[in-house]
Amino acid sequence: MKLFLITAVSAATLFAAVDINSATAKELQSVKGIGEKKAKQIVAFREKNCFQSLRDLTKIKGIGEKTLKKLTPQLEVGPCRKK
């Protein structure tokens, strides 16, 4: 039973969408298709603007429509936490 619970929690974590308005650069890098450079660019953009929608990711160099389509199932846009 204990192993089942650990496995279930791990699986849920693996498939949880990453919030681009709150994730750290390291958390963003866990998304397939986002490397260190793009993760840092996403964080820098967010610190100045916040993301209103996933489409805002196309303002990041190297993220076009094709890449956005691949990233969309793995990401979500939570509330802006800009200071």
PDB file of N, CA and C in Angstrom:
ATOM      1  N   MET A   1       0.826  -1.198   0.000  1.00  0.00           N
ATOM      2  CA  MET A   1       0.000   0.000   0.000  1.00  0.00           C
ATOM      3  C   MET A   1       0.869   1.261   0.000  1.00  0.00           C
ATOM      4  N   LYS A   2       1.899   1.255   0.827  1.00  0.00           N
ATOM      5  CA  LYS A   2       2.792   2.407   0.918  1.00  0.00           C
ATOM      6  C   LYS A   2       3.471   2.667  -0.427  1.00  0.00           C
ATOM      7  N   LEU A   3       3.936   1.604  -1.083  1.00  0.00           N
ATOM      8  CA  LEU A   3       4.588   1.737  -2.387  1.00  0.00           C
ATOM      9  C   LEU A   3       3.614   2.290  -3.414  1.00  0.00           C
ATOM     10  N   PHE A   4       2.371   1.846  -3.359  1.00  0.00           N
ATOM     11  CA  PHE A   4       1.355   2.337  -4.277  1.00  0.00           C
ATOM     12  C   PHE A   4       1.158   3.840  -4.123  1.00  0.00           C
ATOM     13  N   LEU A   5       1.074   4.309  -2.895  1.00  0.00           N
ATOM     14  CA  LEU A   5       0.887   5.740  -2.644  1.00  0.00           C
ATOM     15  C   LEU A   5       2.066   6.556  -3.138  1.00  0.00           C
ATOM     16  N   ILE A   6       3.266   6.065  -2.902  1.00  0.00           N
ATOM     17  CA  ILE A   6       4.466   6.762  -3.376  1.00  0.00           C
ATOM     18  C   ILE A   6       4.461   6.831  -4.893  1.00  0.00           C
ATOM     19  N   THR A   7       4.116   5.726  -5.538  1.00  0.00           N
ATOM     20  CA  THR A   7       4.066   5.681  -6.998  1.00  0.00           C
ATOM     21  C   THR A   7       2.999   6.631  -7.528  1.00  0.00           C
ATOM     22  N   ALA A   8       1.835   6.652  -6.899  1.00  0.00           N
ATOM     23  CA  ALA A   8       0.745   7.523  -7.338  1.00  0.00           C
ATOM     24  C   ALA A   8       1.122   8.991  -7.208  1.00  0.00           C
ATOM     25  N   VAL A   9       1.743   9.365  -6.110  1.00  0.00           N
ATOM     26  CA  VAL A   9       2.169  10.751  -5.904  1.00  0.00           C
ATOM     27  C   VAL A   9       3.249  11.123  -6.906  1.00  0.00           C
ATOM     28  N   SER A  10       4.187  10.232  -7.153  1.00  0.00           N
ATOM     29  CA  SER A  10       5.254  10.493  -8.121  1.00  0.00           C
ATOM     30  C   SER A  10       4.684  10.675  -9.515  1.00  0.00           C
ATOM     31  N   ALA A  11       3.734   9.845  -9.897  1.00  0.00           N
ATOM     32  CA  ALA A  11       3.116   9.952 -11.218  1.00  0.00           C
ATOM     33  C   ALA A  11       2.367  11.269 -11.353  1.00  0.00           C
ATOM     34  N   ALA A  12       1.661  11.673 -10.318  1.00  0.00           N
ATOM     35  CA  ALA A  12       0.931  12.943 -10.361  1.00  0.00           C
ATOM     36  C   ALA A  12       1.889  14.109 -10.516  1.00  0.00           C
ATOM     37  N   THR A  13       3.020  14.042  -9.853  1.00  0.00           N
ATOM     38  CA  THR A  13       4.026  15.092  -9.950  1.00  0.00           C
ATOM     39  C   THR A  13       4.605  15.159 -11.356  1.00  0.00           C
ATOM     40  N   LEU A  14       4.830  14.007 -11.957  1.00  0.00           N
ATOM     41  CA  LEU A  14       5.403  13.967 -13.300  1.00  0.00           C
ATOM     42  C   LEU A  14       4.496  14.623 -14.328  1.00  0.00           C
ATOM     43  N   PHE A  15       3.190  14.526 -14.138  1.00  0.00           N
ATOM     44  CA  PHE A  15       2.260  15.020 -15.134  1.00  0.00           C
ATOM     45  C   PHE A  15       1.615  16.350 -14.763  1.00  0.00           C
ATOM     46  N   ALA A  16       2.037  16.949 -13.687  1.00  0.00           N
ATOM     47  CA  ALA A  16       1.497  18.245 -13.289  1.00  0.00           C
ATOM     48  C   ALA A  16       2.037  19.322 -14.224  1.00  0.00           C
ATOM     49  N   ALA A  17       1.168  20.218 -14.629  1.00  0.00           N
ATOM     50  CA  ALA A  17       1.594  21.317 -15.485  1.00  0.00           C
ATOM     51  C   ALA A  17       2.445  22.294 -14.676  1.00  0.00           C
ATOM     52  N   VAL A  18       3.412  22.875 -15.330  1.00  0.00           N
ATOM     53  CA  VAL A  18       4.309  23.842 -14.699  1.00  0.00           C
ATOM     54  C   VAL A  18       3.745  25.245 -14.931  1.00  0.00           C
ATOM     55  N   ASP A  19       3.613  26.003 -13.870  1.00  0.00           N
ATOM     56  CA  ASP A  19       3.066  27.364 -13.933  1.00  0.00           C
ATOM     57  C   ASP A  19       4.174  28.333 -14.334  1.00  0.00           C
ATOM     58  N   ILE A  20       4.034  28.939 -15.505  1.00  0.00           N
ATOM     59  CA  ILE A  20       5.087  29.834 -15.997  1.00  0.00           C
ATOM     60  C   ILE A  20       5.147  31.156 -15.237  1.00  0.00           C
ATOM     61  N   ASN A  21       4.143  31.460 -14.431  1.00  0.00           N
ATOM     62  CA  ASN A  21       4.175  32.688 -13.632  1.00  0.00           C
ATOM     63  C   ASN A  21       4.765  32.489 -12.246  1.00  0.00           C
ATOM     64  N   SER A  22       5.107  31.247 -11.894  1.00  0.00           N
ATOM     65  CA  SER A  22       5.681  31.036 -10.566  1.00  0.00           C
ATOM     66  C   SER A  22       6.857  30.065 -10.537  1.00  0.00           C
ATOM     67  N   ALA A  23       7.053  29.294 -11.583  1.00  0.00           N
ATOM     68  CA  ALA A  23       8.110  28.276 -11.588  1.00  0.00           C
ATOM     69  C   ALA A  23       9.500  28.900 -11.594  1.00  0.00           C
ATOM     70  N   THR A  24      10.412  28.228 -10.921  1.00  0.00           N
ATOM     71  CA  THR A  24      11.816  28.642 -10.968  1.00  0.00           C
ATOM     72  C   THR A  24      12.394  28.221 -12.315  1.00  0.00           C
ATOM     73  N   ALA A  25      13.567  28.740 -12.635  1.00  0.00           N
ATOM     74  CA  ALA A  25      14.231  28.347 -13.879  1.00  0.00           C
ATOM     75  C   ALA A  25      14.464  26.839 -13.893  1.00  0.00           C
ATOM     76  N   LYS A  26      14.837  26.293 -12.760  1.00  0.00           N
ATOM     77  CA  LYS A  26      15.085  24.847 -12.672  1.00  0.00           C
ATOM     78  C   LYS A  26      13.802  24.061 -12.933  1.00  0.00           C
ATOM     79  N   GLU A  27      12.692  24.514 -12.376  1.00  0.00           N
ATOM     80  CA  GLU A  27      11.407  23.840 -12.610  1.00  0.00           C
ATOM     81  C   GLU A  27      11.009  23.935 -14.075  1.00  0.00           C
ATOM     82  N   LEU A  28      11.252  25.074 -14.688  1.00  0.00           N
ATOM     83  CA  LEU A  28      10.938  25.233 -16.111  1.00  0.00           C
ATOM     84  C   LEU A  28      11.769  24.286 -16.969  1.00  0.00           C
ATOM     85  N   GLN A  29      13.004  24.045 -16.555  1.00  0.00           N
ATOM     86  CA  GLN A  29      13.874  23.140 -17.303  1.00  0.00           C
ATOM     87  C   GLN A  29      13.397  21.692 -17.253  1.00  0.00           C
ATOM     88  N   SER A  30      12.511  21.372 -16.334  1.00  0.00           N
ATOM     89  CA  SER A  30      11.969  20.011 -16.268  1.00  0.00           C
ATOM     90  C   SER A  30      10.966  19.755 -17.392  1.00  0.00           C
ATOM     91  N   VAL A  31      10.570  20.813 -18.079  1.00  0.00           N
ATOM     92  CA  VAL A  31       9.632  20.705 -19.195  1.00  0.00           C
ATOM     93  C   VAL A  31      10.413  20.352 -20.458  1.00  0.00           C
ATOM     94  N   LYS A  32       9.970  19.304 -21.130  1.00  0.00           N
ATOM     95  CA  LYS A  32      10.632  18.891 -22.368  1.00  0.00           C
ATOM     96  C   LYS A  32      10.520  20.019 -23.389  1.00  0.00           C
ATOM     97  N   GLY A  33      11.665  20.488 -23.872  1.00  0.00           N
ATOM     98  CA  GLY A  33      11.684  21.571 -24.848  1.00  0.00           C
ATOM     99  C   GLY A  33      12.152  22.900 -24.270  1.00  0.00           C
ATOM    100  N   ILE A  34      12.336  22.955 -22.947  1.00  0.00           N
ATOM    101  CA  ILE A  34      12.843  24.176 -22.313  1.00  0.00           C
ATOM    102  C   ILE A  34      14.184  23.860 -21.668  1.00  0.00           C
ATOM    103  N   GLY A  35      15.213  24.484 -22.201  1.00  0.00           N
ATOM    104  CA  GLY A  35      16.548  24.319 -21.643  1.00  0.00           C
ATOM    105  C   GLY A  35      16.884  25.475 -20.718  1.00  0.00           C
ATOM    106  N   GLU A  36      18.131  25.510 -20.301  1.00  0.00           N
ATOM    107  CA  GLU A  36      18.568  26.534 -19.350  1.00  0.00           C
ATOM    108  C   GLU A  36      18.371  27.952 -19.890  1.00  0.00           C
ATOM    109  N   LYS A  37      18.755  28.172 -21.139  1.00  0.00           N
ATOM    110  CA  LYS A  37      18.675  29.513 -21.721  1.00  0.00           C
ATOM    111  C   LYS A  37      17.223  30.006 -21.812  1.00  0.00           C
ATOM    112  N   LYS A  38      16.331  29.159 -22.336  1.00  0.00           N
ATOM    113  CA  LYS A  38      14.927  29.562 -22.453  1.00  0.00           C
ATOM    114  C   LYS A  38      14.295  29.746 -21.076  1.00  0.00           C
ATOM    115  N   ALA A  39      14.663  28.896 -20.133  1.00  0.00           N
ATOM    116  CA  ALA A  39      14.117  29.016 -18.774  1.00  0.00           C
ATOM    117  C   ALA A  39      14.487  30.370 -18.173  1.00  0.00           C
ATOM    118  N   LYS A  40      15.732  30.773 -18.337  1.00  0.00           N
ATOM    119  CA  LYS A  40      16.174  32.073 -17.814  1.00  0.00           C
ATOM    120  C   LYS A  40      15.452  33.217 -18.517  1.00  0.00           C
ATOM    121  N   GLN A  41      15.221  33.084 -19.824  1.00  0.00           N
ATOM    122  CA  GLN A  41      14.507  34.117 -20.570  1.00  0.00           C
ATOM    123  C   GLN A  41      13.050  34.223 -20.100  1.00  0.00           C
ATOM    124  N   ILE A  42      12.442  33.089 -19.812  1.00  0.00           N
ATOM    125  CA  ILE A  42      11.060  33.079 -19.329  1.00  0.00           C
ATOM    126  C   ILE A  42      10.970  33.783 -17.977  1.00  0.00           C
ATOM    127  N   VAL A  43      11.883  33.475 -17.082  1.00  0.00           N
ATOM    128  CA  VAL A  43      11.891  34.112 -15.757  1.00  0.00           C
ATOM    129  C   VAL A  43      12.125  35.616 -15.894  1.00  0.00           C
ATOM    130  N   ALA A  44      13.063  36.014 -16.749  1.00  0.00           N
ATOM    131  CA  ALA A  44      13.352  37.443 -16.946  1.00  0.00           C
ATOM    132  C   ALA A  44      12.128  38.175 -17.501  1.00  0.00           C
ATOM    133  N   PHE A  45      11.452  37.573 -18.476  1.00  0.00           N
ATOM    134  CA  PHE A  45      10.243  38.178 -19.040  1.00  0.00           C
ATOM    135  C   PHE A  45       9.182  38.334 -17.957  1.00  0.00           C
ATOM    136  N   ARG A  46       8.987  37.272 -17.188  1.00  0.00           N
ATOM    137  CA  ARG A  46       7.963  37.262 -16.140  1.00  0.00           C
ATOM    138  C   ARG A  46       8.218  38.336 -15.087  1.00  0.00           C
ATOM    139  N   GLU A  47       9.477  38.564 -14.738  1.00  0.00           N
ATOM    140  CA  GLU A  47       9.806  39.568 -13.727  1.00  0.00           C
ATOM    141  C   GLU A  47       9.431  40.976 -14.171  1.00  0.00           C
ATOM    142  N   LYS A  48       9.389  41.198 -15.482  1.00  0.00           N
ATOM    143  CA  LYS A  48       9.040  42.522 -16.000  1.00  0.00           C
ATOM    144  C   LYS A  48       7.571  42.630 -16.398  1.00  0.00           C
ATOM    145  N   ASN A  49       6.994  41.548 -16.890  1.00  0.00           N
ATOM    146  CA  ASN A  49       5.676  41.625 -17.521  1.00  0.00           C
ATOM    147  C   ASN A  49       4.591  40.716 -16.980  1.00  0.00           C
ATOM    148  N   CYS A  50       4.920  39.586 -16.462  1.00  0.00           N
ATOM    149  CA  CYS A  50       3.972  38.515 -16.132  1.00  0.00           C
ATOM    150  C   CYS A  50       3.378  37.949 -17.429  1.00  0.00           C
ATOM    151  N   PHE A  51       2.989  36.713 -17.377  1.00  0.00           N
ATOM    152  CA  PHE A  51       2.359  36.069 -18.524  1.00  0.00           C
ATOM    153  C   PHE A  51       0.851  36.127 -18.338  1.00  0.00           C
ATOM    154  N   GLN A  52       0.152  36.579 -19.354  1.00  0.00           N
ATOM    155  CA  GLN A  52      -1.308  36.611 -19.337  1.00  0.00           C
ATOM    156  C   GLN A  52      -1.883  35.346 -19.969  1.00  0.00           C
ATOM    157  N   SER A  53      -1.118  34.760 -20.901  1.00  0.00           N
ATOM    158  CA  SER A  53      -1.536  33.526 -21.570  1.00  0.00           C
ATOM    159  C   SER A  53      -0.282  32.789 -22.042  1.00  0.00           C
ATOM    160  N   LEU A  54      -0.455  31.535 -22.409  1.00  0.00           N
ATOM    161  CA  LEU A  54       0.686  30.774 -22.923  1.00  0.00           C
ATOM    162  C   LEU A  54       1.207  31.379 -24.224  1.00  0.00           C
ATOM    163  N   ARG A  55       0.333  32.029 -24.978  1.00  0.00           N
ATOM    164  CA  ARG A  55       0.741  32.663 -26.237  1.00  0.00           C
ATOM    165  C   ARG A  55       1.844  33.699 -26.007  1.00  0.00           C
ATOM    166  N   ASP A  56       1.902  34.287 -24.826  1.00  0.00           N
ATOM    167  CA  ASP A  56       2.958  35.257 -24.503  1.00  0.00           C
ATOM    168  C   ASP A  56       4.349  34.634 -24.601  1.00  0.00           C
ATOM    169  N   LEU A  57       4.426  33.315 -24.520  1.00  0.00           N
ATOM    170  CA  LEU A  57       5.728  32.646 -24.640  1.00  0.00           C
ATOM    171  C   LEU A  57       6.371  32.892 -26.000  1.00  0.00           C
ATOM    172  N   THR A  58       5.568  33.223 -27.016  1.00  0.00           N
ATOM    173  CA  THR A  58       6.137  33.485 -28.340  1.00  0.00           C
ATOM    174  C   THR A  58       6.960  34.776 -28.352  1.00  0.00           C
ATOM    175  N   LYS A  59       6.904  35.540 -27.280  1.00  0.00           N
ATOM    176  CA  LYS A  59       7.738  36.736 -27.155  1.00  0.00           C
ATOM    177  C   LYS A  59       9.152  36.381 -26.706  1.00  0.00           C
ATOM    178  N   ILE A  60       9.357  35.107 -26.347  1.00  0.00           N
ATOM    179  CA  ILE A  60      10.669  34.610 -25.941  1.00  0.00           C
ATOM    180  C   ILE A  60      11.406  34.133 -27.180  1.00  0.00           C
ATOM    181  N   LYS A  61      12.630  34.594 -27.354  1.00  0.00           N
ATOM    182  CA  LYS A  61      13.424  34.201 -28.516  1.00  0.00           C
ATOM    183  C   LYS A  61      13.567  32.680 -28.550  1.00  0.00           C
ATOM    184  N   GLY A  62      13.251  32.101 -29.700  1.00  0.00           N
ATOM    185  CA  GLY A  62      13.372  30.656 -29.866  1.00  0.00           C
ATOM    186  C   GLY A  62      12.082  29.893 -29.622  1.00  0.00           C
ATOM    187  N   ILE A  63      11.030  30.603 -29.207  1.00  0.00           N
ATOM    188  CA  ILE A  63       9.734  29.945 -29.025  1.00  0.00           C
ATOM    189  C   ILE A  63       8.761  30.515 -30.054  1.00  0.00           C
ATOM    190  N   GLY A  64       8.501  29.709 -31.058  1.00  0.00           N
ATOM    191  CA  GLY A  64       7.537  30.078 -32.091  1.00  0.00           C
ATOM    192  C   GLY A  64       6.273  29.247 -31.940  1.00  0.00           C
ATOM    193  N   GLU A  65       5.431  29.298 -32.954  1.00  0.00           N
ATOM    194  CA  GLU A  65       4.158  28.576 -32.907  1.00  0.00           C
ATOM    195  C   GLU A  65       4.348  27.069 -32.746  1.00  0.00           C
ATOM    196  N   LYS A  66       5.313  26.516 -33.467  1.00  0.00           N
ATOM    197  CA  LYS A  66       5.551  25.066 -33.423  1.00  0.00           C
ATOM    198  C   LYS A  66       5.993  24.630 -32.022  1.00  0.00           C
ATOM    199  N   THR A  67       6.928  25.371 -31.448  1.00  0.00           N
ATOM    200  CA  THR A  67       7.411  25.052 -30.103  1.00  0.00           C
ATOM    201  C   THR A  67       6.303  25.262 -29.080  1.00  0.00           C
ATOM    202  N   LEU A  68       5.546  26.333 -29.223  1.00  0.00           N
ATOM    203  CA  LEU A  68       4.443  26.613 -28.302  1.00  0.00           C
ATOM    204  C   LEU A  68       3.450  25.457 -28.279  1.00  0.00           C
ATOM    205  N   LYS A  69       3.152  24.919 -29.444  1.00  0.00           N
ATOM    206  CA  LYS A  69       2.207  23.804 -29.536  1.00  0.00           C
ATOM    207  C   LYS A  69       2.711  22.593 -28.752  1.00  0.00           C
ATOM    208  N   LYS A  70       4.021  22.344 -28.790  1.00  0.00           N
ATOM    209  CA  LYS A  70       4.605  21.213 -28.060  1.00  0.00           C
ATOM    210  C   LYS A  70       4.632  21.473 -26.549  1.00  0.00           C
ATOM    211  N   LEU A  71       4.841  22.721 -26.167  1.00  0.00           N
ATOM    212  CA  LEU A  71       4.948  23.071 -24.748  1.00  0.00           C
ATOM    213  C   LEU A  71       3.597  23.178 -24.044  1.00  0.00           C
ATOM    214  N   THR A  72       2.576  23.576 -24.770  1.00  0.00           N
ATOM    215  CA  THR A  72       1.271  23.884 -24.182  1.00  0.00           C
ATOM    216  C   THR A  72       0.721  22.815 -23.233  1.00  0.00           C
ATOM    217  N   PRO A  73       0.770  21.521 -23.574  1.00  0.00           N
ATOM    218  CA  PRO A  73       0.213  20.530 -22.641  1.00  0.00           C
ATOM    219  C   PRO A  73       0.973  20.418 -21.315  1.00  0.00           C
ATOM    220  N   GLN A  74       2.191  20.926 -21.287  1.00  0.00           N
ATOM    221  CA  GLN A  74       3.033  20.789 -20.099  1.00  0.00           C
ATOM    222  C   GLN A  74       3.019  22.023 -19.205  1.00  0.00           C
ATOM    223  N   LEU A  75       2.372  23.088 -19.673  1.00  0.00           N
ATOM    224  CA  LEU A  75       2.435  24.371 -18.969  1.00  0.00           C
ATOM    225  C   LEU A  75       1.055  24.910 -18.634  1.00  0.00           C
ATOM    226  N   GLU A  76       1.032  25.828 -17.680  1.00  0.00           N
ATOM    227  CA  GLU A  76      -0.182  26.561 -17.350  1.00  0.00           C
ATOM    228  C   GLU A  76       0.206  27.971 -16.924  1.00  0.00           C
ATOM    229  N   VAL A  77      -0.779  28.861 -16.927  1.00  0.00           N
ATOM    230  CA  VAL A  77      -0.549  30.244 -16.508  1.00  0.00           C
ATOM    231  C   VAL A  77      -1.355  30.498 -15.243  1.00  0.00           C
ATOM    232  N   GLY A  78      -0.648  30.616 -14.136  1.00  0.00           N
ATOM    233  CA  GLY A  78      -1.293  30.919 -12.862  1.00  0.00           C
ATOM    234  C   GLY A  78      -1.357  32.421 -12.662  1.00  0.00           C
ATOM    235  N   PRO A  79      -1.828  32.843 -11.502  1.00  0.00           N
ATOM    236  CA  PRO A  79      -1.915  34.277 -11.221  1.00  0.00           C
ATOM    237  C   PRO A  79      -0.537  34.939 -11.217  1.00  0.00           C
ATOM    238  N   CYS A  80      -0.522  36.181 -11.628  1.00  0.00           N
ATOM    239  CA  CYS A  80       0.720  36.955 -11.652  1.00  0.00           C
ATOM    240  C   CYS A  80       1.172  37.220 -10.218  1.00  0.00           C
ATOM    241  N   ARG A  81       2.439  36.974  -9.968  1.00  0.00           N
ATOM    242  CA  ARG A  81       2.987  37.210  -8.623  1.00  0.00           C
ATOM    243  C   ARG A  81       4.097  38.255  -8.671  1.00  0.00           C
ATOM    244  N   LYS A  82       3.980  39.149  -9.629  1.00  0.00           N
ATOM    245  CA  LYS A  82       4.988  40.189  -9.805  1.00  0.00           C
ATOM    246  C   LYS A  82       5.022  41.088  -8.578  1.00  0.00           C
ATOM    247  N   LYS A  83       6.244  41.401  -8.151  1.00  0.00           N
ATOM    248  CA  LYS A  83       6.421  42.229  -6.947  1.00  0.00           C
ATOM    249  C   LYS A  83       6.411  43.689  -7.288  1.00  0.00           C
TER     250      LYS A  83
END
